[in-house]
Protein backbone atom coordinates (compact mmCIF):
# COMPACT_ATOMS: atom_id res chain seq x y z
CA MET A 1 -16.73 -4.23 24.50
CA LEU A 2 -16.18 -0.98 22.62
CA ARG A 3 -14.14 0.35 25.53
CA TYR A 4 -11.97 -2.75 25.49
CA ALA A 5 -11.30 -2.25 21.79
CA LEU A 6 -10.30 1.36 22.43
CA ILE A 7 -7.95 0.31 25.23
CA VAL A 8 -6.35 -2.42 23.12
CA PHE A 9 -5.84 -0.05 20.18
CA ALA A 10 -4.41 2.63 22.49
CA ILE A 11 -1.84 0.20 23.87
CA ALA A 12 -1.02 -0.92 20.33
CA ALA A 13 -0.51 2.73 19.39
CA VAL A 14 2.13 3.16 22.10
CA GLY A 15 3.99 0.18 20.68
CA GLY A 16 3.54 1.59 17.19
CA LEU A 17 5.13 4.87 18.21
CA THR A 18 8.12 2.97 19.55
CA LEU A 19 8.37 0.97 16.33
CA ALA A 20 8.11 4.13 14.24
CA ALA A 21 10.86 5.78 16.29
CA SER A 22 13.19 2.90 15.42
CA VAL A 23 12.39 3.22 11.73
CA LEU A 24 12.96 6.98 11.82
CA ARG A 25 16.41 6.28 13.26
CA GLY A 26 17.08 3.90 10.39
CA ARG A 27 17.07 0.78 12.56
CA LEU A 28 14.97 -2.32 12.75
CA ALA A 29 12.66 -2.39 15.73
CA PRO A 30 12.76 -5.26 18.21
CA TRP A 31 10.94 -8.22 16.69
CA ALA A 32 9.10 -9.01 19.94
CA LEU A 33 7.63 -5.50 19.99
CA SER A 34 6.50 -5.89 16.38
CA VAL A 35 4.75 -9.16 17.21
CA ALA A 36 3.10 -7.65 20.29
CA HIS A 37 1.94 -4.64 18.25
CA ALA A 38 0.48 -6.95 15.61
CA ALA A 39 -1.22 -9.15 18.21
CA LEU A 40 -2.83 -6.15 19.89
CA GLY A 41 -3.99 -4.81 16.54
CA ALA A 42 -5.47 -8.17 15.62
CA THR A 43 -7.21 -8.39 18.98
CA GLY A 44 -8.73 -4.96 18.45
CA LEU A 45 -9.88 -5.95 14.97
CA VAL A 46 -11.57 -9.08 16.31
CA LEU A 47 -13.32 -7.09 19.02
CA LEU A 48 -14.59 -4.60 16.45
CA LEU A 49 -15.68 -7.38 14.14
CA VAL A 50 -17.68 -8.94 16.96
CA ILE A 51 -19.28 -5.57 17.77
CA VAL A 52 -20.23 -4.97 14.14
CA THR A 53 -21.63 -8.46 13.56
CA GLN A 54 -23.51 -8.87 16.85
CA ALA A 55 -25.87 -5.94 16.57
CA ALA A 56 -26.76 -2.94 14.49
CA SER A 57 -23.77 -0.76 15.22
CA ALA A 58 -23.18 2.87 14.42
CA ALA A 59 -21.83 3.62 10.97
CA ARG A 60 -18.76 5.16 12.57
CA ILE A 61 -17.86 1.85 14.20
CA THR A 62 -18.06 0.11 10.84
CA ALA A 63 -15.99 2.90 9.27
CA ALA A 64 -13.39 2.53 12.02
CA LEU A 65 -13.26 -1.21 11.34
CA GLY A 66 -12.64 -0.49 7.65
CA LEU A 67 -9.85 1.96 8.46
CA PHE A 68 -8.22 -0.52 10.83
CA VAL A 69 -8.39 -3.24 8.17
CA VAL A 70 -6.57 -0.94 5.74
CA ALA A 71 -4.01 -0.16 8.45
CA ALA A 72 -3.59 -3.90 9.08
CA LEU A 73 -2.85 -4.50 5.41
CA GLY A 74 -0.12 -1.88 5.62
CA GLY A 75 1.09 -3.56 8.79
CA PHE A 76 1.38 -6.90 6.99
CA TYR A 77 3.56 -5.21 4.37
CA LEU A 78 5.71 -3.58 7.06
CA ALA A 79 6.05 -6.90 8.88
CA SER A 80 7.16 -8.60 5.65
CA LEU A 81 9.91 -6.01 5.27
CA HIS A 82 10.93 -6.45 8.89
CA TRP A 83 11.00 -10.23 8.49
CA ARG A 84 13.44 -9.82 5.59
CA GLY A 85 15.65 -7.47 7.61
CA ILE A 86 14.74 -4.37 5.61
CA VAL A 87 14.09 -1.07 7.36
CA ALA A 88 10.68 0.14 6.20
CA PRO A 89 10.32 3.28 4.10
CA ARG A 90 9.29 6.21 6.27
CA ALA A 91 6.39 7.10 3.98
CA VAL A 92 4.81 3.68 4.44
CA VAL A 93 5.20 3.93 8.21
CA PHE A 94 3.53 7.36 8.21
CA VAL A 95 0.63 6.16 6.04
CA HIS A 96 0.14 3.06 8.20
CA GLY A 97 0.17 5.12 11.37
CA GLY A 98 -2.01 7.85 9.91
CA VAL A 99 -4.71 5.42 8.81
CA ALA A 100 -4.60 3.72 12.23
CA VAL A 101 -4.92 7.09 14.00
CA ALA A 102 -7.88 7.96 11.76
CA GLY A 103 -9.47 4.63 12.70
CA PHE A 104 -8.85 5.24 16.39
CA LEU A 105 -10.31 8.75 16.28
CA THR A 106 -13.32 7.48 14.35
CA LEU A 107 -13.85 4.74 16.93
CA LEU A 108 -13.40 7.21 19.78
CA SER A 109 -15.97 9.56 18.28
CA ALA A 110 -18.41 6.66 18.02
CA ALA A 111 -17.80 5.69 21.63
CA LEU A 112 -18.31 9.24 22.84
CA ALA A 113 -21.54 9.54 20.87
CA LEU A 114 -23.07 6.50 22.62
């Protein structure tokens, strides 16, 4: 299941890069892509939550879950701006993406250690 979570987060990251590119150009991203990105992120979070609650998991997996939860909170803020037709501040996009990348790398390191 850990591999599935990694795959889902990797696909979400590709969508996130596309969303970030729109913001860096000063434009709103396509709403459908934002929803797909959010759905993939939520799916990854649920998979990680199941992994953490089903068995004694590595501390890195729990840390990755925490980082992804923080990234999701930033994503909710970004989605609220998008919903109101406001282009997100670049700094918030970079922090959101940076925390998500840190979560992904933490999860990847846990997967490679198994």
